[in-house]
PDB file of N, CA and C in Angstrom:
ATOM      1  N   MET A   1     130.755 106.643 107.485  1.00  0.00           N
ATOM      2  CA  MET A   1     129.924 105.837 106.583  1.00  0.00           C
ATOM      3  C   MET A   1     129.315 104.884 107.292  1.00  0.00           C
ATOM      4  N   GLU A   2     128.063 104.767 107.106  1.00  0.00           N
ATOM      5  CA  GLU A   2     126.912 103.902 107.830  1.00  0.00           C
ATOM      6  C   GLU A   2     127.213 102.433 107.236  1.00  0.00           C
ATOM      7  N   THR A   3     127.135 101.579 108.220  1.00  0.00           N
ATOM      8  CA  THR A   3     127.286 100.218 107.896  1.00  0.00           C
ATOM      9  C   THR A   3     125.918  99.608 107.684  1.00  0.00           C
ATOM     10  N   ILE A   4     125.690  98.832 106.460  1.00  0.00           N
ATOM     11  CA  ILE A   4     124.423  98.158 106.156  1.00  0.00           C
ATOM     12  C   ILE A   4     124.507  96.808 106.641  1.00  0.00           C
ATOM     13  N   THR A   5     123.523  96.363 107.425  1.00  0.00           N
ATOM     14  CA  THR A   5     123.487  94.752 108.051  1.00  0.00           C
ATOM     15  C   THR A   5     122.320  94.320 107.357  1.00  0.00           C
ATOM     16  N   PHE A   6     122.457  93.210 106.550  1.00  0.00           N
ATOM     17  CA  PHE A   6     121.532  92.488 105.700  1.00  0.00           C
ATOM     18  C   PHE A   6     121.125  91.195 106.765  1.00  0.00           C
ATOM     19  N   THR A   7     119.658  91.080 106.411  1.00  0.00           N
ATOM     20  CA  THR A   7     119.142  89.994 107.103  1.00  0.00           C
ATOM     21  C   THR A   7     119.388  88.583 106.510  1.00  0.00           C
ATOM     22  N   PRO A   8     119.188  87.331 107.040  1.00  0.00           N
ATOM     23  CA  PRO A   8     119.580  86.281 106.605  1.00  0.00           C
ATOM     24  C   PRO A   8     118.757  86.122 105.064  1.00  0.00           C
ATOM     25  N   ALA A   9     117.568  86.432 105.196  1.00  0.00           N
ATOM     26  CA  ALA A   9     116.698  86.309 104.143  1.00  0.00           C
ATOM     27  C   ALA A   9     117.081  87.122 103.032  1.00  0.00           C
ATOM     28  N   GLN A  10     117.774  88.310 103.169  1.00  0.00           N
ATOM     29  CA  GLN A  10     118.213  89.394 102.050  1.00  0.00           C
ATOM     30  C   GLN A  10     119.670  88.697 101.620  1.00  0.00           C
ATOM     31  N   ILE A  11     120.529  87.999 102.395  1.00  0.00           N
ATOM     32  CA  ILE A  11     121.712  87.243 101.941  1.00  0.00           C
ATOM     33  C   ILE A  11     121.273  86.190 101.316  1.00  0.00           C
ATOM     34  N   HIS A  12     120.356  85.353 101.497  1.00  0.00           N
ATOM     35  CA  HIS A  12     119.800  84.319 100.897  1.00  0.00           C
ATOM     36  C   HIS A  12     119.341  84.531  99.232  1.00  0.00           C
ATOM     37  N   VAL A  13     118.675  85.612  99.353  1.00  0.00           N
ATOM     38  CA  VAL A  13     118.101  86.211  97.951  1.00  0.00           C
ATOM     39  C   VAL A  13     119.314  86.597  96.991  1.00  0.00           C
ATOM     40  N   PHE A  14     120.215  87.456  97.728  1.00  0.00           N
ATOM     41  CA  PHE A  14     121.344  87.842  96.865  1.00  0.00           C
ATOM     42  C   PHE A  14     122.133  86.552  96.454  1.00  0.00           C
ATOM     43  N   ASN A  15     122.251  85.475  97.192  1.00  0.00           N
ATOM     44  CA  ASN A  15     123.009  84.405  96.558  1.00  0.00           C
ATOM     45  C   ASN A  15     122.265  83.758  95.484  1.00  0.00           C
ATOM     46  N   LEU A  16     120.792  83.601  95.691  1.00  0.00           N
ATOM     47  CA  LEU A  16     120.102  83.027  94.622  1.00  0.00           C
ATOM     48  C   LEU A  16     120.112  83.913  93.321  1.00  0.00           C
ATOM     49  N   VAL A  17     119.913  85.282  93.479  1.00  0.00           N
ATOM     50  CA  VAL A  17     119.968  86.095  92.417  1.00  0.00           C
ATOM     51  C   VAL A  17     121.267  85.995  91.452  1.00  0.00           C
ATOM     52  N   SER A  18     122.431  85.685  92.424  1.00  0.00           N
ATOM     53  CA  SER A  18     123.868  85.911  91.530  1.00  0.00           C
ATOM     54  C   SER A  18     123.703  84.693  90.413  1.00  0.00           C
ATOM     55  N   HIS A  19     122.874  83.662  90.701  1.00  0.00           N
ATOM     56  CA  HIS A  19     122.851  82.617  89.512  1.00  0.00           C
ATOM     57  C   HIS A  19     122.067  82.889  88.312  1.00  0.00           C
ATOM     58  N   ILE A  20     121.381  84.215  88.359  1.00  0.00           N
ATOM     59  CA  ILE A  20     120.544  84.465  87.113  1.00  0.00           C
ATOM     60  C   ILE A  20     121.618  85.157  86.100  1.00  0.00           C
ATOM     61  N   LYS A  21     121.622  84.391  84.964  1.00  0.00           N
ATOM     62  CA  LYS A  21     122.737  84.925  84.010  1.00  0.00           C
ATOM     63  C   LYS A  21     121.979  85.512  82.694  1.00  0.00           C
ATOM     64  N   SER A  22     120.686  85.664  82.568  1.00  0.00           N
ATOM     65  CA  SER A  22     120.146  85.985  81.365  1.00  0.00           C
ATOM     66  C   SER A  22     118.916  86.900  81.568  1.00  0.00           C
ATOM     67  N   ASP A  23     118.587  87.774  80.692  1.00  0.00           N
ATOM     68  CA  ASP A  23     117.209  88.483  80.811  1.00  0.00           C
ATOM     69  C   ASP A  23     116.024  87.771  81.079  1.00  0.00           C
ATOM     70  N   ASP A  24     115.996  86.595  80.344  1.00  0.00           N
ATOM     71  CA  ASP A  24     114.832  85.687  80.485  1.00  0.00           C
ATOM     72  C   ASP A  24     114.790  85.226  81.993  1.00  0.00           C
ATOM     73  N   GLY A  25     116.017  84.887  82.466  1.00  0.00           N
ATOM     74  CA  GLY A  25     115.817  84.400  83.868  1.00  0.00           C
ATOM     75  C   GLY A  25     115.415  85.534  84.903  1.00  0.00           C
ATOM     76  N   LEU A  26     115.807  86.723  84.587  1.00  0.00           N
ATOM     77  CA  LEU A  26     115.546  87.828  85.357  1.00  0.00           C
ATOM     78  C   LEU A  26     113.887  88.188  85.258  1.00  0.00           C
ATOM     79  N   LEU A  27     113.425  87.984  83.982  1.00  0.00           N
ATOM     80  CA  LEU A  27     111.989  88.176  83.833  1.00  0.00           C
ATOM     81  C   LEU A  27     111.281  87.121  84.518  1.00  0.00           C
ATOM     82  N   ARG A  28     111.511  85.683  84.524  1.00  0.00           N
ATOM     83  CA  ARG A  28     110.976  84.944  85.183  1.00  0.00           C
ATOM     84  C   ARG A  28     111.099  85.105  86.694  1.00  0.00           C
ATOM     85  N   LEU A  29     112.138  85.697  87.304  1.00  0.00           N
ATOM     86  CA  LEU A  29     112.103  86.034  88.703  1.00  0.00           C
ATOM     87  C   LEU A  29     111.165  87.007  89.050  1.00  0.00           C
ATOM     88  N   ARG A  30     111.111  88.113  88.098  1.00  0.00           N
ATOM     89  CA  ARG A  30     110.058  89.074  88.526  1.00  0.00           C
ATOM     90  C   ARG A  30     108.635  88.735  88.352  1.00  0.00           C
ATOM     91  N   LYS A  31     108.327  87.655  87.406  1.00  0.00           N
ATOM     92  CA  LYS A  31     107.098  87.072  87.371  1.00  0.00           C
ATOM     93  C   LYS A  31     106.746  86.369  88.686  1.00  0.00           C
ATOM     94  N   GLN A  32     107.810  85.641  89.308  1.00  0.00           N
ATOM     95  CA  GLN A  32     107.621  84.814  90.315  1.00  0.00           C
ATOM     96  C   GLN A  32     107.211  85.736  91.755  1.00  0.00           C
ATOM     97  N   LEU A  33     108.142  86.647  91.685  1.00  0.00           N
ATOM     98  CA  LEU A  33     107.992  87.621  92.779  1.00  0.00           C
ATOM     99  C   LEU A  33     106.841  88.626  92.692  1.00  0.00           C
ATOM    100  N   ALA A  34     106.217  88.720  91.775  1.00  0.00           N
ATOM    101  CA  ALA A  34     104.775  89.335  91.388  1.00  0.00           C
ATOM    102  C   ALA A  34     103.768  88.520  91.974  1.00  0.00           C
ATOM    103  N   ALA A  35     103.916  87.350  91.478  1.00  0.00           N
ATOM    104  CA  ALA A  35     102.884  86.275  92.128  1.00  0.00           C
ATOM    105  C   ALA A  35     102.921  86.117  93.549  1.00  0.00           C
ATOM    106  N   PHE A  36     104.355  86.041  94.103  1.00  0.00           N
ATOM    107  CA  PHE A  36     104.283  85.896  95.549  1.00  0.00           C
ATOM    108  C   PHE A  36     103.708  86.906  96.213  1.00  0.00           C
ATOM    109  N   TYR A  37     103.876  88.250  95.907  1.00  0.00           N
ATOM    110  CA  TYR A  37     103.106  89.367  96.558  1.00  0.00           C
ATOM    111  C   TYR A  37     101.939  89.357  96.192  1.00  0.00           C
ATOM    112  N   ALA A  38     101.369  88.955  94.967  1.00  0.00           N
ATOM    113  CA  ALA A  38      99.899  89.061  94.744  1.00  0.00           C
ATOM    114  C   ALA A  38      99.236  88.270  95.689  1.00  0.00           C
ATOM    115  N   GLN A  39      99.791  86.978  95.882  1.00  0.00           N
ATOM    116  CA  GLN A  39      99.235  85.921  96.824  1.00  0.00           C
ATOM    117  C   GLN A  39      99.240  86.592  98.180  1.00  0.00           C
ATOM    118  N   GLN A  40     100.346  87.211  98.682  1.00  0.00           N
ATOM    119  CA  GLN A  40     100.240  87.900  99.902  1.00  0.00           C
ATOM    120  C   GLN A  40      99.151  88.786 100.142  1.00  0.00           C
ATOM    121  N   VAL A  41      98.950  89.653  99.104  1.00  0.00           N
ATOM    122  CA  VAL A  41      98.008  90.534  99.158  1.00  0.00           C
ATOM    123  C   VAL A  41      96.558  90.028  99.317  1.00  0.00           C
ATOM    124  N   ASP A  42      96.466  88.836  98.430  1.00  0.00           N
ATOM    125  CA  ASP A  42      95.153  88.216  98.363  1.00  0.00           C
ATOM    126  C   ASP A  42      94.761  87.660  99.921  1.00  0.00           C
ATOM    127  N   SER A  43      95.903  87.052 100.380  1.00  0.00           N
ATOM    128  CA  SER A  43      95.610  86.327 101.791  1.00  0.00           C
ATOM    129  C   SER A  43      95.289  87.614 102.686  1.00  0.00           C
ATOM    130  N   GLU A  44      95.948  88.662 102.796  1.00  0.00           N
ATOM    131  CA  GLU A  44      95.525  89.715 103.877  1.00  0.00           C
ATOM    132  C   GLU A  44      94.207  90.282 103.546  1.00  0.00           C
ATOM    133  N   MET A  45      93.985  90.516 102.254  1.00  0.00           N
ATOM    134  CA  MET A  45      92.371  90.794 102.039  1.00  0.00           C
ATOM    135  C   MET A  45      91.313  89.699 102.453  1.00  0.00           C
ATOM    136  N   ASP A  46      91.623  88.644 102.249  1.00  0.00           N
ATOM    137  CA  ASP A  46      90.699  87.843 102.837  1.00  0.00           C
ATOM    138  C   ASP A  46      90.530  87.667 104.273  1.00  0.00           C
ATOM    139  N   ARG A  47      91.767  87.993 104.965  1.00  0.00           N
ATOM    140  CA  ARG A  47      91.697  88.088 106.470  1.00  0.00           C
ATOM    141  C   ARG A  47      90.846  89.146 106.713  1.00  0.00           C
ATOM    142  N   LEU A  48      91.217  90.500 106.255  1.00  0.00           N
ATOM    143  CA  LEU A  48      90.237  91.610 106.444  1.00  0.00           C
ATOM    144  C   LEU A  48      88.988  91.518 106.422  1.00  0.00           C
ATOM    145  N   TRP A  49      88.613  90.748 105.078  1.00  0.00           N
ATOM    146  CA  TRP A  49      87.015  90.485 104.816  1.00  0.00           C
ATOM    147  C   TRP A  49      86.548  89.689 105.999  1.00  0.00           C
ATOM    148  N   GLU A  50      87.224  88.558 106.266  1.00  0.00           N
ATOM    149  CA  GLU A  50      86.714  87.722 107.349  1.00  0.00           C
ATOM    150  C   GLU A  50      86.503  88.181 108.567  1.00  0.00           C
ATOM    151  N   SER A  51      87.478  89.077 108.857  1.00  0.00           N
ATOM    152  CA  SER A  51      87.306  89.839 110.241  1.00  0.00           C
ATOM    153  C   SER A  51      86.328  90.966 110.282  1.00  0.00           C
ATOM    154  N   GLY A  52      85.805  91.366 109.032  1.00  0.00           N
ATOM    155  CA  GLY A  52      84.939  92.465 109.005  1.00  0.00           C
ATOM    156  C   GLY A  52      85.558  93.826 108.940  1.00  0.00           C
ATOM    157  N   GLN A  53      86.811  93.773 109.045  1.00  0.00           N
ATOM    158  CA  GLN A  53      87.571  95.254 108.690  1.00  0.00           C
ATOM    159  C   GLN A  53      87.328  95.640 107.281  1.00  0.00           C
ATOM    160  N   TRP A  54      86.882  94.918 106.351  1.00  0.00           N
ATOM    161  CA  TRP A  54      86.809  95.270 104.956  1.00  0.00           C
ATOM    162  C   TRP A  54      85.557  94.719 104.462  1.00  0.00           C
ATOM    163  N   ASN A  55      84.678  95.127 103.566  1.00  0.00           N
ATOM    164  CA  ASN A  55      83.514  94.545 103.252  1.00  0.00           C
ATOM    165  C   ASN A  55      82.721  95.539 102.194  1.00  0.00           C
ATOM    166  N   GLU A  56      81.742  95.236 101.672  1.00  0.00           N
ATOM    167  CA  GLU A  56      81.298  95.632 100.392  1.00  0.00           C
ATOM    168  C   GLU A  56      80.954  97.090 100.559  1.00  0.00           C
ATOM    169  N   SER A  57      80.421  97.411 101.795  1.00  0.00           N
ATOM    170  CA  SER A  57      80.022  98.975 102.007  1.00  0.00           C
ATOM    171  C   SER A  57      81.461  99.817 102.138  1.00  0.00           C
ATOM    172  N   ARG A  58      82.296  99.390 102.641  1.00  0.00           N
ATOM    173  CA  ARG A  58      83.746 100.093 102.736  1.00  0.00           C
ATOM    174  C   ARG A  58      84.275 100.182 101.226  1.00  0.00           C
ATOM    175  N   LEU A  59      84.172  99.145 100.623  1.00  0.00           N
ATOM    176  CA  LEU A  59      84.570  99.123  99.317  1.00  0.00           C
ATOM    177  C   LEU A  59      83.784 100.188  98.443  1.00  0.00           C
ATOM    178  N   LYS A  60      82.496 100.238  98.485  1.00  0.00           N
ATOM    179  CA  LYS A  60      81.740 101.103  97.717  1.00  0.00           C
ATOM    180  C   LYS A  60      82.068 102.639  98.280  1.00  0.00           C
ATOM    181  N   GLU A  61      82.468 102.704  99.631  1.00  0.00           N
ATOM    182  CA  GLU A  61      82.653 104.041 100.159  1.00  0.00           C
ATOM    183  C   GLU A  61      84.055 104.610  99.448  1.00  0.00           C
ATOM    184  N   LEU A  62      84.915 103.787  99.141  1.00  0.00           N
ATOM    185  CA  LEU A  62      86.240 104.310  98.548  1.00  0.00           C
ATOM    186  C   LEU A  62      86.348 104.239  97.210  1.00  0.00           C
ATOM    187  N   ARG A  63      85.276 103.857  96.461  1.00  0.00           N
ATOM    188  CA  ARG A  63      85.338 103.718  95.068  1.00  0.00           C
ATOM    189  C   ARG A  63      85.265 105.248  94.449  1.00  0.00           C
ATOM    190  N   GLY A  64      86.403 105.378  93.559  1.00  0.00           N
ATOM    191  CA  GLY A  64      86.499 106.843  92.974  1.00  0.00           C
ATOM    192  C   GLY A  64      87.170 107.700  93.797  1.00  0.00           C
ATOM    193  N   SER A  65      87.879 107.300  94.985  1.00  0.00           N
ATOM    194  CA  SER A  65      88.719 108.184  95.754  1.00  0.00           C
ATOM    195  C   SER A  65      90.139 108.149  95.059  1.00  0.00           C
ATOM    196  N   HIS A  66      90.732 109.220  95.525  1.00  0.00           N
ATOM    197  CA  HIS A  66      91.985 109.408  95.007  1.00  0.00           C
ATOM    198  C   HIS A  66      93.038 109.874  96.151  1.00  0.00           C
ATOM    199  N   PHE A  67      93.915 109.255  96.509  1.00  0.00           N
ATOM    200  CA  PHE A  67      94.762 109.301  97.462  1.00  0.00           C
ATOM    201  C   PHE A  67      96.247 109.803  97.241  1.00  0.00           C
ATOM    202  N   ARG A  68      96.505 110.254  96.098  1.00  0.00           N
ATOM    203  CA  ARG A  68      97.742 110.638  95.468  1.00  0.00           C
ATOM    204  C   ARG A  68      97.965 112.096  96.248  1.00  0.00           C
ATOM    205  N   THR A  69      99.421 112.252  96.397  1.00  0.00           N
ATOM    206  CA  THR A  69      99.718 113.447  96.844  1.00  0.00           C
ATOM    207  C   THR A  69      99.510 114.594  95.737  1.00  0.00           C
ATOM    208  N   PRO A  70      98.785 115.719  95.993  1.00  0.00           N
ATOM    209  CA  PRO A  70      98.576 116.542  94.968  1.00  0.00           C
ATOM    210  C   PRO A  70     100.131 117.480  94.831  1.00  0.00           C
ATOM    211  N   TYR A  71     100.243 117.741  93.610  1.00  0.00           N
ATOM    212  CA  TYR A  71     101.444 118.474  93.295  1.00  0.00           C
ATOM    213  C   TYR A  71     101.104 119.585  92.681  1.00  0.00           C
ATOM    214  N   LYS A  72     101.933 120.704  93.267  1.00  0.00           N
ATOM    215  CA  LYS A  72     101.729 122.001  92.671  1.00  0.00           C
ATOM    216  C   LYS A  72     102.446 122.330  91.596  1.00  0.00           C
ATOM    217  N   LYS A  73     101.878 122.868  90.401  1.00  0.00           N
ATOM    218  CA  LYS A  73     102.652 123.069  89.032  1.00  0.00           C
ATOM    219  C   LYS A  73     103.022 124.468  89.100  1.00  0.00           C
TER     220      LYS A  73
END
């Protein structure tokens, strides 16, 4: 059996989550996590834009593209 080692951050989150006792608390946590990750994405996109790696022409180039894995039926 493989041993799982958790990082200090994971352990901290586990300890915090153990205090959530209601569906409302879980919903609020989910909203906070979504907001956190949305802010991370915004920051990274700003960095890419400022560095020139992402721009209006690149955005237009990718508009309408589909990158999903095609599944055979």
